N, C-alpha and C. Protein backbone atom coordinates (compact mmCIF):
# COMPACT_ATOMS: atom_id res chain seq x y z
N MET A 1 -29.32 -35.02 -3.29
CA MET A 1 -28.09 -35.72 -3.57
C MET A 1 -27.12 -34.82 -4.33
N ARG A 2 -27.61 -33.97 -5.19
CA ARG A 2 -26.74 -33.08 -5.96
C ARG A 2 -26.18 -31.93 -5.13
N ALA A 3 -26.77 -31.62 -4.02
CA ALA A 3 -26.39 -30.46 -3.22
C ALA A 3 -25.07 -30.66 -2.46
N TRP A 4 -24.50 -31.82 -2.46
CA TRP A 4 -23.27 -32.07 -1.70
C TRP A 4 -22.09 -31.25 -2.21
N TRP A 5 -22.05 -30.88 -3.45
CA TRP A 5 -20.93 -30.13 -4.02
C TRP A 5 -21.01 -28.64 -3.70
N VAL A 6 -22.14 -28.15 -3.25
CA VAL A 6 -22.33 -26.73 -2.98
C VAL A 6 -21.45 -26.26 -1.80
N ILE A 7 -21.38 -27.06 -0.76
CA ILE A 7 -20.62 -26.66 0.43
C ILE A 7 -19.14 -26.46 0.13
N PRO A 8 -18.45 -27.38 -0.55
CA PRO A 8 -17.04 -27.12 -0.86
C PRO A 8 -16.84 -25.90 -1.76
N VAL A 9 -17.73 -25.68 -2.70
CA VAL A 9 -17.60 -24.53 -3.60
C VAL A 9 -17.74 -23.22 -2.82
N VAL A 10 -18.70 -23.16 -1.92
CA VAL A 10 -18.89 -21.97 -1.11
C VAL A 10 -17.68 -21.76 -0.20
N ALA A 11 -17.17 -22.82 0.40
CA ALA A 11 -16.00 -22.72 1.28
C ALA A 11 -14.79 -22.19 0.52
N ILE A 12 -14.55 -22.70 -0.67
CA ILE A 12 -13.42 -22.23 -1.48
C ILE A 12 -13.60 -20.76 -1.84
N GLY A 13 -14.80 -20.37 -2.16
CA GLY A 13 -15.07 -18.97 -2.48
C GLY A 13 -14.80 -18.05 -1.31
N LEU A 14 -15.18 -18.47 -0.11
CA LEU A 14 -14.93 -17.65 1.07
C LEU A 14 -13.45 -17.56 1.40
N VAL A 15 -12.72 -18.63 1.22
CA VAL A 15 -11.28 -18.62 1.47
C VAL A 15 -10.59 -17.67 0.48
N GLY A 16 -11.03 -17.69 -0.77
CA GLY A 16 -10.46 -16.79 -1.78
C GLY A 16 -10.69 -15.33 -1.43
N CYS A 17 -11.85 -15.01 -0.91
CA CYS A 17 -12.14 -13.63 -0.51
C CYS A 17 -11.30 -13.22 0.68
N ALA A 18 -11.11 -14.11 1.62
CA ALA A 18 -10.31 -13.79 2.81
C ALA A 18 -8.85 -13.56 2.44
N GLY A 19 -8.35 -14.28 1.46
CA GLY A 19 -6.96 -14.12 1.03
C GLY A 19 -6.68 -12.75 0.45
N LYS A 20 -7.66 -12.13 -0.18
CA LYS A 20 -7.47 -10.81 -0.79
C LYS A 20 -7.34 -9.71 0.26
N THR A 21 -7.83 -9.95 1.45
CA THR A 21 -7.83 -8.89 2.46
C THR A 21 -6.72 -9.05 3.50
N ALA A 22 -5.83 -9.98 3.28
CA ALA A 22 -4.80 -10.27 4.29
C ALA A 22 -3.93 -9.06 4.59
N HIS A 23 -3.59 -8.26 3.61
CA HIS A 23 -2.68 -7.13 3.81
C HIS A 23 -3.40 -5.78 3.73
N ARG A 24 -4.72 -5.81 3.79
CA ARG A 24 -5.51 -4.58 3.64
C ARG A 24 -5.16 -3.54 4.70
N ASP A 25 -5.10 -3.94 5.96
CA ASP A 25 -4.80 -3.00 7.03
C ASP A 25 -3.38 -2.45 6.93
N ALA A 26 -2.43 -3.33 6.61
CA ALA A 26 -1.04 -2.88 6.47
C ALA A 26 -0.93 -1.85 5.35
N CYS A 27 -1.61 -2.10 4.26
CA CYS A 27 -1.60 -1.17 3.12
C CYS A 27 -2.17 0.18 3.56
N ALA A 28 -3.32 0.17 4.18
CA ALA A 28 -3.97 1.42 4.59
C ALA A 28 -3.12 2.18 5.60
N ASN A 29 -2.55 1.47 6.56
CA ASN A 29 -1.74 2.13 7.59
C ASN A 29 -0.46 2.71 7.01
N GLN A 30 0.21 1.94 6.15
CA GLN A 30 1.45 2.42 5.53
C GLN A 30 1.17 3.63 4.64
N LEU A 31 0.09 3.57 3.87
CA LEU A 31 -0.25 4.70 3.00
C LEU A 31 -0.56 5.96 3.81
N ALA A 32 -1.35 5.81 4.85
CA ALA A 32 -1.71 6.98 5.66
C ALA A 32 -0.46 7.61 6.27
N ALA A 33 0.42 6.79 6.82
CA ALA A 33 1.65 7.30 7.44
C ALA A 33 2.55 7.95 6.39
N ALA A 34 2.66 7.32 5.23
CA ALA A 34 3.53 7.85 4.18
C ALA A 34 3.02 9.19 3.66
N TRP A 35 1.73 9.32 3.44
CA TRP A 35 1.19 10.60 2.95
C TRP A 35 1.42 11.70 3.98
N GLN A 36 1.26 11.36 5.26
CA GLN A 36 1.48 12.35 6.31
C GLN A 36 2.95 12.77 6.34
N GLU A 37 3.85 11.79 6.24
CA GLU A 37 5.28 12.11 6.24
C GLU A 37 5.67 12.91 4.99
N LEU A 38 5.03 12.60 3.86
CA LEU A 38 5.31 13.32 2.62
C LEU A 38 4.88 14.78 2.75
N ASP A 39 3.72 15.01 3.38
CA ASP A 39 3.26 16.38 3.61
C ASP A 39 4.23 17.14 4.51
N LEU A 40 4.75 16.48 5.54
CA LEU A 40 5.73 17.12 6.43
C LEU A 40 7.01 17.46 5.67
N ALA A 41 7.46 16.53 4.84
CA ALA A 41 8.68 16.79 4.05
C ALA A 41 8.47 17.98 3.12
N LYS A 42 7.28 18.06 2.53
CA LYS A 42 6.98 19.18 1.64
C LYS A 42 6.96 20.49 2.43
N ALA A 43 6.37 20.47 3.61
CA ALA A 43 6.30 21.68 4.44
C ALA A 43 7.69 22.12 4.89
N GLU A 44 8.59 21.16 5.06
CA GLU A 44 9.95 21.48 5.49
C GLU A 44 10.83 21.90 4.32
N GLY A 45 10.30 21.85 3.11
CA GLY A 45 11.05 22.33 1.95
C GLY A 45 11.85 21.27 1.21
N PHE A 46 11.53 20.01 1.42
CA PHE A 46 12.27 18.94 0.75
C PHE A 46 11.55 18.42 -0.49
N ALA A 47 10.56 19.17 -1.00
CA ALA A 47 9.75 18.71 -2.12
C ALA A 47 10.53 18.64 -3.43
N GLY A 48 11.68 19.27 -3.52
CA GLY A 48 12.42 19.28 -4.77
C GLY A 48 13.47 18.19 -4.89
N THR A 49 13.62 17.36 -3.89
CA THR A 49 14.68 16.36 -3.92
C THR A 49 14.28 15.15 -4.76
N VAL A 50 15.28 14.42 -5.21
CA VAL A 50 15.04 13.21 -6.00
C VAL A 50 14.32 12.16 -5.16
N SER A 51 14.71 12.01 -3.90
CA SER A 51 14.08 11.03 -3.02
C SER A 51 12.59 11.34 -2.83
N TYR A 52 12.26 12.62 -2.72
CA TYR A 52 10.86 13.02 -2.58
C TYR A 52 10.07 12.60 -3.83
N SER A 53 10.65 12.81 -5.00
CA SER A 53 9.99 12.44 -6.25
C SER A 53 9.79 10.93 -6.35
N LYS A 54 10.80 10.17 -5.93
CA LYS A 54 10.67 8.71 -5.93
C LYS A 54 9.55 8.28 -4.99
N ALA A 55 9.51 8.90 -3.81
CA ALA A 55 8.47 8.56 -2.84
C ALA A 55 7.09 8.86 -3.40
N LEU A 56 6.94 10.00 -4.03
CA LEU A 56 5.65 10.38 -4.60
C LEU A 56 5.21 9.38 -5.67
N GLY A 57 6.13 8.96 -6.52
CA GLY A 57 5.81 7.97 -7.54
C GLY A 57 5.40 6.63 -6.94
N LEU A 58 6.12 6.21 -5.91
CA LEU A 58 5.78 4.95 -5.24
C LEU A 58 4.42 5.02 -4.56
N LEU A 59 4.11 6.16 -3.95
CA LEU A 59 2.81 6.30 -3.29
C LEU A 59 1.66 6.31 -4.29
N THR A 60 1.91 6.89 -5.44
CA THR A 60 0.88 6.87 -6.49
C THR A 60 0.63 5.43 -6.94
N GLY A 61 1.70 4.68 -7.13
CA GLY A 61 1.57 3.27 -7.49
C GLY A 61 0.90 2.46 -6.40
N ALA A 62 1.24 2.74 -5.15
CA ALA A 62 0.64 2.02 -4.03
C ALA A 62 -0.86 2.29 -3.95
N LYS A 63 -1.25 3.53 -4.17
CA LYS A 63 -2.68 3.88 -4.13
C LYS A 63 -3.43 3.16 -5.25
N THR A 64 -2.80 3.07 -6.41
CA THR A 64 -3.42 2.35 -7.53
C THR A 64 -3.58 0.88 -7.17
N GLN A 65 -2.55 0.28 -6.58
CA GLN A 65 -2.65 -1.12 -6.18
C GLN A 65 -3.73 -1.32 -5.12
N GLN A 66 -3.88 -0.35 -4.23
CA GLN A 66 -4.93 -0.45 -3.22
C GLN A 66 -6.31 -0.47 -3.88
N GLN A 67 -6.49 0.36 -4.90
CA GLN A 67 -7.76 0.40 -5.60
C GLN A 67 -8.10 -0.92 -6.30
N PHE A 68 -7.06 -1.62 -6.76
CA PHE A 68 -7.25 -2.90 -7.43
C PHE A 68 -7.10 -4.08 -6.48
N GLU A 69 -7.10 -3.81 -5.17
CA GLU A 69 -7.03 -4.81 -4.12
C GLU A 69 -5.77 -5.67 -4.18
N ALA A 70 -4.66 -5.09 -4.61
CA ALA A 70 -3.36 -5.75 -4.56
C ALA A 70 -2.66 -5.23 -3.31
N PHE A 71 -3.18 -5.64 -2.15
CA PHE A 71 -2.79 -5.04 -0.88
C PHE A 71 -1.34 -5.32 -0.49
N GLU A 72 -0.83 -6.50 -0.81
CA GLU A 72 0.55 -6.81 -0.44
C GLU A 72 1.53 -5.89 -1.17
N GLY A 73 1.34 -5.71 -2.47
CA GLY A 73 2.19 -4.81 -3.24
C GLY A 73 2.04 -3.37 -2.79
N CYS A 74 0.84 -2.99 -2.44
CA CYS A 74 0.56 -1.65 -1.93
C CYS A 74 1.36 -1.38 -0.66
N ALA A 75 1.30 -2.30 0.28
CA ALA A 75 2.02 -2.14 1.54
C ALA A 75 3.52 -2.07 1.31
N ARG A 76 4.02 -2.89 0.39
CA ARG A 76 5.45 -2.91 0.09
C ARG A 76 5.90 -1.58 -0.52
N LYS A 77 5.11 -1.06 -1.46
CA LYS A 77 5.45 0.22 -2.10
C LYS A 77 5.37 1.37 -1.12
N ALA A 78 4.37 1.37 -0.27
CA ALA A 78 4.23 2.45 0.71
C ALA A 78 5.38 2.42 1.71
N GLN A 79 5.81 1.24 2.10
CA GLN A 79 6.94 1.12 3.01
C GLN A 79 8.22 1.63 2.35
N LYS A 80 8.40 1.30 1.09
CA LYS A 80 9.58 1.78 0.35
C LYS A 80 9.51 3.31 0.18
N ALA A 81 8.32 3.83 -0.04
CA ALA A 81 8.15 5.29 -0.16
C ALA A 81 8.54 5.98 1.14
N ARG A 82 8.19 5.37 2.26
CA ARG A 82 8.55 5.96 3.55
C ARG A 82 10.06 6.01 3.72
N PHE A 83 10.77 5.02 3.19
CA PHE A 83 12.24 5.05 3.22
C PHE A 83 12.75 6.26 2.44
N TYR A 84 12.21 6.47 1.23
CA TYR A 84 12.66 7.60 0.41
C TYR A 84 12.28 8.94 1.04
N ILE A 85 11.18 8.98 1.75
CA ILE A 85 10.80 10.22 2.44
C ILE A 85 11.82 10.53 3.54
N ARG A 86 12.22 9.50 4.29
CA ARG A 86 13.26 9.71 5.31
C ARG A 86 14.57 10.17 4.67
N GLU A 87 14.90 9.58 3.53
CA GLU A 87 16.11 9.99 2.80
C GLU A 87 16.00 11.45 2.37
N SER A 88 14.85 11.83 1.90
CA SER A 88 14.62 13.21 1.46
C SER A 88 14.80 14.17 2.62
N ARG A 89 14.24 13.84 3.76
CA ARG A 89 14.33 14.72 4.92
C ARG A 89 15.75 14.78 5.46
N ALA A 90 16.54 13.74 5.18
CA ALA A 90 17.95 13.72 5.60
C ALA A 90 18.84 14.45 4.60
N GLY A 91 18.26 14.90 3.50
CA GLY A 91 19.01 15.64 2.51
C GLY A 91 19.71 14.78 1.47
N ARG A 92 19.28 13.53 1.34
CA ARG A 92 19.89 12.64 0.35
C ARG A 92 18.97 12.38 -0.81
């Protein structure tokens, strides 16, 4: 008779775990693309620009968020970093 409460508790626990992984792939994909683009910008000689520095800071923050499983913020920061990398390569 007491076991009836176990099923809802387990279900809620599983839903909570699934919610943490919703943006995991987006975070990983955005980070991988951004690091690759950052390496290209550095190879092309844009490593000294302000936009490059902003991108590097954002990617560092995104990687930290990925480690703490804050995947939505990670994906957002990596996407913003990619914008600054494009700006850097455009000379802005």
